[in-house]
Amino acid sequence: MKLSKRLSAIAPFQVMAILEKARALQAAGHDVIHLEVGEPDFATPDAIVEAGRAALAAGHTFYTAAQGLPALREAIAAFYRQRFAVTLDPARIIVTPGASGALQIALSLLVDEGDGVLMADPTYPCNRHFVSLLGGQPQAVAVGAERRYQPLADDVAAHWQPNTVAAMVATPANPTGTVLTADEIAALAATCRAHGGALIVDEIYQGLTYGADSFSALALADDAFVINSFSKYFQMTGWRLGWLVVPESYVEPAIRLAQNLFLCPPAAAQHAALAAFAPATLDVLEHRRAEFGRRRDFLLQALPALGWRIPAQPDGAFYVYADVSAVTADSFAYCQRMLDEVKVAITPGADFGSNEAGRYVRVAYTTSVERLAEAVARMQTVR
């Protein structure tokens, strides 16, 4: 049986292998501390869960419009207006099965066979994999701590090639937690326009910032393709719900793609998400954001005791991207030892690209400060 050649460009998630092994150790009775997977440890807020239950009880189990419930798209638009002072036509919002669905639509709108998409190295691995699935070319821009691991406008201009059609950035970013400023977003958008290309902005960790201003790229670049999600800030990972904001001229083809790629987003999840924007729910989420901030602050103080460096402070998401080159030349093997010897699961830099990946690990602070302290104490014994 033939296997598609394009699958050769799709690398497995190292973190999923680590997670599988960690769960096996846990099932065998070991106390494993999970700092590997990018999923909030908080359960979905009660009001959202109750809205989902009510939707199921009311029989809201049928297909919706491919672009999502009108009421949900209007609620998302209202959220942009109230929180970011961005006026947005709800018709431009395409509700999707997770941010992955939004990324798939955005890239499918823009990428033909052989087209290139610029993106950071390091970055979330699905970004390059989805480009490859479309027959495109992921064009990695190696960015280090001096750039806060973010490609800026001059990087995009320097790396733009004749086949490049778009540049993709993330703010806050995975795996680094760094954010772009408003001026940097505006400059990136202007550079993409000057080259006749598009800017794609991943905002799925939007709202999870600590000290940095939270804003949307749409306030600076109305023509950007903006991806967001109910998974991270709203803590609805398993509900599989996200959204994409497209320029007005792309609405019809985006809906056409949604109809064919996934028919519609999960109906019950959409009805549940209507409760995500209620003031009481937002109060809960803001309290949890403050807790994430406390965890970040703890790790920024504690991790250097392991001999690790944190070259660029994370101002968002729930990750610390740490340089462990002072204690190991192979971060993948180091992560394996952490799990084998002290039952702490962390992610190697190899998941996020090839730019000095062997010197980095990602730590997700998706557990309590007490468990983080226990993890650091255990890791101190690994030499």
Protein backbone atom coordinates (compact mmCIF):
# COMPACT_ATOMS: atom_id res chain seq x y z
CA MET A 1 0.00 0.00 0.00
CA LYS A 2 1.27 3.45 -0.95
CA LEU A 3 2.02 6.06 1.74
CA SER A 4 1.77 9.72 0.83
CA LYS A 5 5.20 11.25 0.24
CA ARG A 6 4.19 14.41 2.05
CA LEU A 7 4.09 12.46 5.32
CA SER A 8 7.88 12.28 5.26
CA ALA A 9 7.89 15.96 6.26
CA ILE A 10 5.70 15.33 9.32
CA ALA A 11 7.84 14.61 12.35
CA PRO A 12 6.33 13.06 15.48
CA PHE A 13 5.85 15.16 18.60
CA GLN A 14 8.65 14.25 20.99
CA VAL A 15 6.51 15.60 23.79
CA MET A 16 3.78 13.06 23.05
CA ALA A 17 6.25 10.19 23.41
CA ILE A 18 7.37 11.69 26.71
CA LEU A 19 3.75 12.08 27.80
CA GLU A 20 2.97 8.47 26.90
CA LYS A 21 5.96 7.24 28.87
CA ALA A 22 5.10 9.53 31.80
CA ARG A 23 1.55 8.18 31.91
CA ALA A 24 2.86 4.60 31.83
CA LEU A 25 5.10 5.37 34.79
CA GLN A 26 2.15 6.95 36.57
CA ALA A 27 -0.01 3.90 35.89
CA ALA A 28 2.74 1.78 37.41
CA GLY A 29 2.44 3.74 40.67
CA HIS A 30 5.12 6.43 40.26
CA ASP A 31 4.51 10.04 41.24
CA VAL A 32 5.16 11.88 37.96
CA ILE A 33 5.19 15.68 37.79
CA HIS A 34 3.89 16.78 34.38
CA LEU A 35 5.59 19.89 33.02
CA GLU A 36 5.58 18.74 29.40
CA VAL A 37 2.20 19.30 27.72
CA GLY A 38 0.75 22.72 26.96
CA GLU A 39 -2.60 22.27 28.64
CA PRO A 40 -3.93 24.29 31.58
CA ASP A 41 -4.38 22.22 34.73
CA PHE A 42 -7.52 24.16 35.62
CA ALA A 43 -10.80 22.51 34.67
CA THR A 44 -13.09 24.41 32.30
CA PRO A 45 -14.96 27.05 34.36
CA ASP A 46 -18.25 25.78 35.77
CA ALA A 47 -20.41 28.27 33.88
CA ILE A 48 -19.07 27.01 30.55
CA VAL A 49 -19.59 23.37 31.56
CA GLU A 50 -23.17 24.10 32.66
CA ALA A 51 -23.88 25.89 29.38
CA GLY A 52 -22.62 22.81 27.54
CA ARG A 53 -24.84 20.53 29.60
CA ALA A 54 -27.82 22.78 28.99
CA ALA A 55 -27.14 22.76 25.25
CA LEU A 56 -27.08 18.97 25.18
CA ALA A 57 -30.27 18.76 27.24
CA ALA A 58 -31.96 21.21 24.89
CA GLY A 59 -31.07 19.06 21.90
CA HIS A 60 -28.39 21.31 20.38
CA THR A 61 -26.66 18.32 18.86
CA PHE A 62 -27.13 19.07 15.17
CA TYR A 63 -24.89 20.68 12.56
CA THR A 64 -24.46 24.43 12.78
CA ALA A 65 -23.42 26.82 10.03
CA ALA A 66 -19.93 25.95 8.79
CA GLN A 67 -18.58 29.25 10.10
CA GLY A 68 -20.17 28.77 13.51
CA LEU A 69 -23.20 29.98 15.43
CA PRO A 70 -24.09 33.61 14.63
CA ALA A 71 -24.50 34.28 18.36
CA LEU A 72 -20.99 33.02 19.10
CA ARG A 73 -19.42 35.02 16.29
CA GLU A 74 -21.21 38.11 17.59
CA ALA A 75 -19.97 37.36 21.13
CA ILE A 76 -16.39 37.04 19.88
CA ALA A 77 -16.71 40.35 18.01
CA ALA A 78 -18.08 41.99 21.17
CA PHE A 79 -15.11 40.62 23.11
CA TYR A 80 -12.69 42.26 20.65
CA ARG A 81 -14.58 45.54 20.97
CA GLN A 82 -14.73 45.54 24.77
CA ARG A 83 -11.24 44.23 25.55
CA PHE A 84 -9.14 45.47 22.64
CA ALA A 85 -11.14 48.40 21.21
CA VAL A 86 -11.28 46.60 17.85
CA THR A 87 -14.48 46.89 15.81
CA LEU A 88 -14.89 43.67 13.89
CA ASP A 89 -17.65 42.47 11.57
CA PRO A 90 -18.77 39.06 12.94
CA ALA A 91 -18.94 37.83 9.33
CA ARG A 92 -15.13 37.86 9.28
CA ILE A 93 -14.97 35.37 12.16
CA ILE A 94 -14.82 31.67 11.26
CA VAL A 95 -15.33 29.39 14.28
CA THR A 96 -13.24 26.24 13.90
CA PRO A 97 -12.49 22.87 15.54
CA GLY A 98 -9.66 24.18 17.69
CA ALA A 99 -6.94 26.59 16.61
CA SER A 100 -5.63 23.75 14.43
CA GLY A 101 -8.73 24.10 12.25
CA ALA A 102 -8.12 27.84 12.03
CA LEU A 103 -4.49 27.32 11.04
CA GLN A 104 -5.51 24.78 8.40
CA ILE A 105 -7.97 27.21 6.83
CA ALA A 106 -5.60 30.19 6.93
CA LEU A 107 -2.79 28.27 5.24
CA SER A 108 -5.15 26.63 2.73
CA LEU A 109 -6.35 30.09 1.69
CA LEU A 110 -2.82 31.28 0.98
CA VAL A 111 -0.47 28.42 0.12
CA ASP A 112 -0.12 26.67 -3.22
CA GLU A 113 2.34 23.93 -4.12
CA GLY A 114 5.87 25.29 -3.76
CA ASP A 115 4.87 28.45 -1.88
CA GLY A 116 6.88 29.44 1.17
CA VAL A 117 5.78 30.60 4.61
CA LEU A 118 8.27 32.32 6.89
CA MET A 119 8.17 31.34 10.55
CA ALA A 120 10.37 31.40 13.63
CA ASP A 121 12.73 28.63 14.60
CA PRO A 122 11.85 27.75 17.36
CA THR A 123 8.08 27.58 16.89
CA TYR A 124 5.09 25.32 17.40
CA PRO A 125 5.78 22.30 15.15
CA CYS A 126 2.32 22.08 13.53
CA ASN A 127 2.99 25.42 11.84
CA ARG A 128 5.65 23.93 9.58
CA HIS A 129 3.87 20.58 9.27
CA PHE A 130 0.63 22.12 7.98
CA VAL A 131 2.58 24.10 5.38
CA SER A 132 4.27 20.87 4.26
CA LEU A 133 0.94 19.04 4.02
CA LEU A 134 -0.19 21.65 1.50
CA GLY A 135 2.91 21.10 -0.59
CA GLY A 136 4.39 24.37 0.60
CA GLN A 137 7.81 25.13 2.03
CA PRO A 138 8.25 26.11 5.67
CA GLN A 139 10.94 28.82 5.61
CA ALA A 140 12.58 28.85 9.01
CA VAL A 141 14.01 32.07 10.41
CA ALA A 142 16.53 31.20 13.12
CA VAL A 143 15.93 33.63 15.98
CA GLY A 144 17.76 33.62 19.29
CA ALA A 145 17.44 35.23 22.67
CA GLU A 146 18.68 38.58 21.38
CA ARG A 147 15.43 38.75 19.37
CA ARG A 148 13.38 37.17 22.17
CA TYR A 149 13.02 34.25 19.72
CA GLN A 150 10.74 36.40 17.55
CA PRO A 151 11.22 37.20 13.84
CA LEU A 152 10.97 40.98 13.41
CA ALA A 153 10.31 43.06 10.32
CA ASP A 154 13.96 43.22 9.23
CA ASP A 155 14.24 39.43 9.59
CA VAL A 156 11.18 38.96 7.40
CA ALA A 157 12.53 41.38 4.79
CA ALA A 158 15.92 39.66 4.77
CA HIS A 159 14.48 36.15 4.45
CA TRP A 160 11.63 36.87 2.02
CA GLN A 161 12.10 34.76 -1.12
CA PRO A 162 10.46 34.89 -4.56
CA ASN A 163 8.11 32.04 -3.55
CA THR A 164 7.24 33.43 -0.10
CA VAL A 165 3.54 34.24 0.29
CA ALA A 166 3.21 34.84 4.03
CA ALA A 167 4.97 35.26 7.34
CA MET A 168 3.63 33.70 10.50
CA VAL A 169 4.30 34.91 14.05
CA ALA A 170 2.93 34.02 17.47
CA THR A 171 2.39 36.32 20.40
CA PRO A 172 2.61 35.11 23.10
CA ALA A 173 4.73 32.41 21.53
CA ASN A 174 5.06 28.69 22.09
CA PRO A 175 7.61 27.50 23.28
CA THR A 176 9.18 30.74 24.49
CA GLY A 177 6.35 32.74 26.06
CA THR A 178 7.70 35.93 24.52
CA VAL A 179 5.43 38.63 23.09
CA LEU A 180 5.62 41.10 20.24
CA THR A 181 4.98 44.79 20.83
CA ALA A 182 2.39 46.80 18.95
CA ASP A 183 5.12 48.58 16.99
CA GLU A 184 6.68 45.25 16.02
CA ILE A 185 3.36 43.87 14.78
CA ALA A 186 2.70 47.03 12.76
CA ALA A 187 6.16 46.83 11.19
CA LEU A 188 5.72 43.13 10.36
CA ALA A 189 2.38 43.85 8.67
CA ALA A 190 3.88 46.70 6.65
CA THR A 191 6.77 44.50 5.53
CA CYS A 192 4.45 41.70 4.41
CA ARG A 193 2.30 44.20 2.48
CA ALA A 194 5.38 45.66 0.80
CA HIS A 195 6.27 42.19 -0.45
CA GLY A 196 2.72 41.43 -1.61
CA GLY A 197 2.23 38.78 1.09
CA ALA A 198 0.10 38.09 4.14
CA LEU A 199 0.75 38.23 7.86
CA ILE A 200 -0.62 35.35 9.95
CA VAL A 201 -0.70 35.99 13.70
CA ASP A 202 -1.18 33.17 16.20
CA GLU A 203 -2.87 34.68 19.26
CA ILE A 204 -4.01 31.48 20.95
CA TYR A 205 -2.32 32.47 24.24
CA GLN A 206 -3.77 35.96 24.06
CA GLY A 207 -4.96 37.06 27.50
CA LEU A 208 -2.30 35.01 29.28
CA THR A 209 0.23 37.80 29.77
CA TYR A 210 2.05 38.94 32.90
CA GLY A 211 3.08 42.56 32.92
CA ALA A 212 2.97 42.93 29.13
CA ASP A 213 0.06 44.71 27.47
CA SER A 214 -2.52 42.37 25.95
CA PHE A 215 -3.73 43.53 22.56
CA SER A 216 -4.78 42.05 19.25
CA ALA A 217 -2.83 42.38 16.02
CA LEU A 218 -6.15 43.39 14.45
CA ALA A 219 -5.76 46.77 16.16
CA LEU A 220 -2.61 47.33 14.08
CA ALA A 221 -3.28 45.32 10.94
CA ASP A 222 -6.88 44.88 9.85
CA ASP A 223 -5.69 42.76 6.91
CA ALA A 224 -3.90 40.17 9.08
CA PHE A 225 -5.12 36.59 9.43
CA VAL A 226 -5.54 36.11 13.18
CA ILE A 227 -5.86 32.71 14.85
CA ASN A 228 -7.28 32.31 18.34
CA SER A 229 -8.63 29.56 20.55
CA PHE A 230 -10.87 28.74 23.49
CA SER A 231 -8.24 26.25 24.69
CA LYS A 232 -5.68 28.28 26.64
CA TYR A 233 -7.06 31.43 28.26
CA PHE A 234 -10.61 30.03 28.35
CA GLN A 235 -9.33 26.56 29.39
CA MET A 236 -11.49 24.51 27.01
CA THR A 237 -8.79 22.28 25.48
CA GLY A 238 -10.88 19.13 25.07
CA TRP A 239 -13.88 21.01 23.69
CA ARG A 240 -11.89 21.64 20.48
CA LEU A 241 -12.96 25.14 19.58
CA GLY A 242 -11.08 28.05 18.06
CA TRP A 243 -11.58 30.81 15.54
CA LEU A 244 -9.98 32.60 12.62
CA VAL A 245 -10.43 36.23 11.65
CA VAL A 246 -9.93 36.82 7.91
CA PRO A 247 -9.92 39.96 5.77
CA GLU A 248 -13.34 40.68 4.29
CA SER A 249 -12.44 39.47 0.78
CA TYR A 250 -11.50 36.05 2.17
CA VAL A 251 -14.78 35.35 3.99
CA GLU A 252 -16.51 33.38 1.24
CA PRO A 253 -13.54 31.11 0.39
CA ALA A 254 -12.89 30.57 4.11
CA ILE A 255 -16.48 29.40 4.61
CA ARG A 256 -16.18 27.19 1.54
CA LEU A 257 -13.08 25.56 3.02
CA ALA A 258 -14.78 25.12 6.40
CA GLN A 259 -17.73 23.39 4.73
CA ASN A 260 -15.42 20.91 3.05
CA LEU A 261 -12.73 20.41 5.68
CA PHE A 262 -14.87 19.86 8.80
CA LEU A 263 -18.48 20.75 7.94
CA CYS A 264 -18.93 22.69 11.19
CA PRO A 265 -17.35 23.14 14.64
CA PRO A 266 -18.69 21.01 17.54
CA ALA A 267 -22.21 22.25 18.25
CA ALA A 268 -22.31 21.68 22.02
CA ALA A 269 -18.89 23.29 22.43
CA GLN A 270 -20.11 26.39 20.62
CA HIS A 271 -23.13 26.76 22.87
CA ALA A 272 -20.91 26.23 25.91
CA ALA A 273 -18.48 28.89 24.72
CA LEU A 274 -21.20 31.52 24.80
CA ALA A 275 -20.76 31.47 28.58
CA ALA A 276 -17.01 32.13 28.27
CA PHE A 277 -17.53 35.87 27.85
CA ALA A 278 -19.83 36.38 30.85
CA PRO A 279 -18.33 38.80 33.41
CA ALA A 280 -18.38 36.16 36.15
CA THR A 281 -16.50 33.70 33.93
CA LEU A 282 -13.94 36.32 32.98
CA ASP A 283 -13.40 37.04 36.68
CA VAL A 284 -12.57 33.35 37.23
CA LEU A 285 -10.21 33.36 34.27
CA GLU A 286 -8.43 36.49 35.46
CA HIS A 287 -7.91 34.93 38.90
CA ARG A 288 -6.37 31.90 37.21
CA ARG A 289 -4.19 34.13 35.01
CA ALA A 290 -2.79 35.69 38.18
CA GLU A 291 -1.98 32.20 39.46
CA PHE A 292 -0.11 31.42 36.24
CA GLY A 293 1.84 34.62 36.82
CA ARG A 294 2.84 33.50 40.31
CA ARG A 295 4.03 30.17 38.92
CA ARG A 296 6.08 31.91 36.25
CA ASP A 297 7.69 34.16 38.84
CA PHE A 298 8.57 31.15 40.99
CA LEU A 299 10.29 29.35 38.11
CA LEU A 300 12.21 32.43 37.02
CA GLN A 301 13.71 32.50 40.50
CA ALA A 302 14.12 28.74 40.98
CA LEU A 303 15.38 27.33 37.68
CA PRO A 304 18.77 29.13 37.62
CA ALA A 305 19.70 27.06 40.70
CA LEU A 306 19.80 24.06 38.34
CA GLY A 307 22.45 25.73 36.22
CA TRP A 308 19.84 26.71 33.65
CA ARG A 309 19.67 30.13 31.99
CA ILE A 310 16.53 31.95 30.91
CA PRO A 311 17.89 34.30 28.25
CA ALA A 312 14.56 35.93 27.34
CA GLN A 313 11.93 36.44 30.02
CA PRO A 314 8.57 34.93 29.11
CA ASP A 315 5.83 37.55 29.35
CA GLY A 316 2.96 35.30 28.30
CA ALA A 317 1.58 31.79 27.72
CA PHE A 318 2.63 29.29 30.43
CA TYR A 319 6.10 28.24 29.35
CA VAL A 320 9.70 28.88 30.27
CA TYR A 321 12.20 28.20 27.47
CA ALA A 322 15.43 27.49 29.29
CA ASP A 323 19.01 27.13 28.07
CA VAL A 324 20.44 23.99 29.71
CA SER A 325 23.73 23.93 27.79
CA ALA A 326 25.69 24.47 31.00
CA VAL A 327 24.58 21.06 32.28
CA THR A 328 24.09 19.00 29.10
CA ALA A 329 25.02 18.93 25.43
CA ASP A 330 21.87 16.98 24.55
CA SER A 331 18.60 18.34 25.87
CA PHE A 332 16.62 15.39 24.48
CA ALA A 333 18.68 12.89 26.47
CA TYR A 334 18.49 15.24 29.45
CA CYS A 335 14.68 15.21 29.32
CA GLN A 336 14.72 11.41 29.14
CA ARG A 337 16.94 11.26 32.22
CA MET A 338 14.67 13.64 34.10
CA LEU A 339 11.74 11.35 33.49
CA ASP A 340 13.61 8.10 34.13
CA GLU A 341 15.52 9.19 37.22
CA VAL A 342 13.28 11.67 39.05
CA LYS A 343 9.91 11.32 37.30
CA VAL A 344 9.68 14.91 36.06
CA ALA A 345 8.43 15.31 32.49
CA ILE A 346 9.73 18.30 30.47
CA THR A 347 9.95 18.90 26.71
CA PRO A 348 13.18 18.99 24.64
CA GLY A 349 13.86 21.87 22.28
CA ALA A 350 13.97 19.43 19.35
CA ASP A 351 10.16 19.55 19.18
CA PHE A 352 10.26 23.20 18.14
CA GLY A 353 12.86 23.29 15.38
CA SER A 354 16.56 22.88 14.76
CA ASN A 355 17.95 26.24 15.86
CA GLU A 356 20.27 25.22 18.75
CA ALA A 357 17.51 22.85 19.85
CA GLY A 358 19.93 20.66 21.78
CA ARG A 359 20.59 23.38 24.30
CA TYR A 360 16.96 24.14 25.22
CA VAL A 361 14.07 22.64 27.16
CA ARG A 362 10.52 23.89 27.60
CA VAL A 363 8.90 23.80 31.02
CA ALA A 364 5.12 24.21 31.22
CA TYR A 365 4.03 25.73 34.51
CA THR A 366 0.66 24.01 34.39
CA THR A 367 0.73 22.73 37.94
CA SER A 368 0.76 24.32 41.41
CA VAL A 369 3.70 26.23 42.88
CA GLU A 370 4.05 23.43 45.43
CA ARG A 371 4.44 20.83 42.70
CA LEU A 372 6.80 23.11 40.78
CA ALA A 373 8.96 23.38 43.89
CA GLU A 374 8.97 19.60 44.24
CA ALA A 375 9.95 19.27 40.57
CA VAL A 376 12.88 21.68 40.96
CA ALA A 377 14.05 19.83 44.08
CA ARG A 378 14.00 16.54 42.20
CA MET A 379 15.74 17.94 39.13
CA GLN A 380 18.57 19.29 41.29
CA THR A 381 19.64 15.68 41.88
CA VAL A 382 20.16 14.98 38.16
CA ARG A 383 23.78 15.63 37.18
